[in-house]
Every structure is written in C-alpha cells, then in structure tokens.
Amino acid sequence: MSGKVRILRLPALAAVCALLLLTLGGPAAAADGPVVKLSASQAGTGGSITATGTGWRPHTLLMLLVCGQATPSRGVVGGTNSCANGDGRAVTTDAQGAFGKKVPVAEPPVPCPCVVHVATVTGTEAEADAVLQVAGHPVAPLPAEDTGGRLSILSDTRLTGSGSLLTWFGAPPSRSLVFTVGNSGTGVIKDPVFQVGSAHGVFAPQWDDRQWHGTLAPGRRAEVRLPVELSAGAHGDYTVSLKYGGKVLAEQPWGVGRPWGVTLFWLLLCVVVPAALFRIGMAVVDRVRPRRPGGAPRSSHRRLPRPALRLPLPRSRAAAPPPSTPTLPWFAPDSVPGDPAGRLSAPHPDSPTSPTTPTRKGPT
C-alpha cells in the first residue's frame, strides 16, 4: 500500500516542480532585454500594424521606424538612413515598461528585408527589431559582413576647438570629435566610415557620414578626428553621438553658448534706424517749410540779435535830443557832467534878478 502511495506522489511532485520552473522562467525571459512584437508579419503600403513591447525601462520615450536592409540578428545595417523616418511614431512606456502603438506601413528608401525598429530616444540605449514583410517592396540580399577587422573605441571621446567672433554673431558652431580606435580583428580596416550625430534635448540625433582616411592594421591603434558642426544660431545643451556599423559607440555632451552678438545687433538696429528716420524727416520738413517774405531762407538755428551797448547819460542832459554823431563824454569839452557851458568853475543860476557882473574891457 505504501508503495502505491509513493508512486502516486511522484507525478504530483513533478507537476509542482514544473510550475515552479515556469514561474521562475518568466522573469528570466523578461530580464533578457526589451522585446517588440507585431500584430501581423506582413502588410502593404498605406496600411498599419500594431507594435507591442515589454521589458523596456518604465516611462521611457521610444521611436518606432520601418527600416530596410535589416534583420533582428544584424540590426539596421545602414542606420536610420535606411528607415522611413517621415512615417515614424513615438511612444512612452508605462510603469511596467510596456507599450502598444499603431505604426503606418511605409516603404523604406532601401530594399527589404525589413523590420520595425524600436529604440530609446533618451537615456541608456536599448533597441529591438521585429521582422516585417512590406508587400510590393523590392527585396535584396544584405551586404556582406566584414568578419576580418573589428573596430573598437580605446579612449574617451572629447571635443576640441573653440568658437570665433563670427560664432558670437550666429555663425555655425564647429568642433572636432577626437577619440582613439583600435583594430582587434585579424583583417585590415581601410577608410572606415563613421556616423556623427547631434541631438538637442529629447530629439533624435541627426546623423551625418564622416569618413576617416587611413588604414588600420590588426592590433594597431590610431587617433581619429571627425568634424562636428551645428546649425547657425544654435545654442543650449547638445549631445554628440558616434556610430559605427549601426551601433552607437560613444556620446559626448556639448554646451553651446548663446550668440549674444545677434542680440546686440538687433538692439543697435532698433536704436539707429529710428534715429536715422527722425533725421531724414527733419531734413524733409526743413526743405518744405515756407520761406520768409524777404526771400532769405530760414535757418534751422536762428541767432538772436545782440543788444547795443549804451552808456548812461548825465541827468542834466537826459532830456536833450541825441546828437547826430555820438561821441564819448570824456572827449567833448562841453560834456563835462554838471557844466552845460563847458566851464570848470562852479555853476551859478543865470536869472534876471542876479546882479550883473561887470566885465573887464580890454584895450581897444
């Protein structure tokens, strides 16, 4: 009897163990990385499919694109230049790191095989791909994978250079992205093509191809300098990213100062232009102003006539009419103050009652 009980217990123990393995296997599968799934594996241009994802970081902004020349194993070989960027969609994950979003089916600029490429916009980079067959779009084999040389970054990236006076007035800021690379493979790498992107805020980087001219033998290293240039008038916090072979190798922050020269220019323009218009208007008013009756043009600056210098006259001659020829009082013998006749003796009244003064007659 006891043997039968043991035989019955063995299947029960096996079932319990299987349930435990399934319970433990769920988080392990989710911990492998982000996953994206599609509602349909094939769709035509103009339609739409629903993309769902799990295992992403909570509250993370994601970008969904239909890309060509890509497979989940190799990723997007040509980078975002192989994607239909104009028909991309953005979505934010929930608190559990999941999302669901409708994506319009558009033809990428390169042939298929195609995928729906999902990648993070900010924060730590994470990406995932799901196979999509775009009906009616041409299909071409992927470019051969170079298994000889393997390029890797051996140092931190840095930005060198400085701005100029023209940058202060709104010229495009430019720097050089400097880093050291090494060839850890067995083949020679010749003239590798890097992709340099610049992003402002939460926007996705705008990638530009930058080719480094040189040959890197196996086990050798070299310093690479790639030019980086922003648009005119750019200012604020930017992030410069470096990509090679479809993978982002490094990111470097870049703080760009505000072009204060442009602000100063507009302030001066707001002061100089009104002043010039005022001067022109005053000149026009002075031209069209009516002239004086005499015909002499009116001057913008009138001179006031100076008052003539007049000396005070003696009190005794104040009522006398002014002489025809004015003379100074001390040059005329008869203009001594107090003596109307020009005598130097004390004055006396000439009245009829005064005694007649005899006059001495000279010899005749």
Foldseek 3Di string as FASTA:
>chain_A
DVVVVVVVVVVVVVVVVVVVCVVVVVVVVLCVAKDKDWPDQEDEAQAKIKIKMASAAAFFKKKKWKFALADQVQGRQVACLRTPVVQMDIDTHHNRRMDMDMGGDHATPDAHQIWTKMWTQDDDTGIGTDTHHHPPGHHDHHPDDDQAWDKAFDDAKDWDDDDDLVLLQFAKDKTKIKTKMATQGHAKDAFFKKWKFKDDDRDHTDIDIWTDGDMHHHGDMDMDITMDIDHTQDFAKMKMWMDGSNRTRHIDIDGGHGSCSNVVVVVVVVVVVVVVVVVVVVVVCLVPPDADPVPDRDDPDDDDDDDDDDDDAAPVCPPPDDDPDDDDQVVDQCSDHPHNRSDPDHDDDDDPPDDDDDDDDDDD
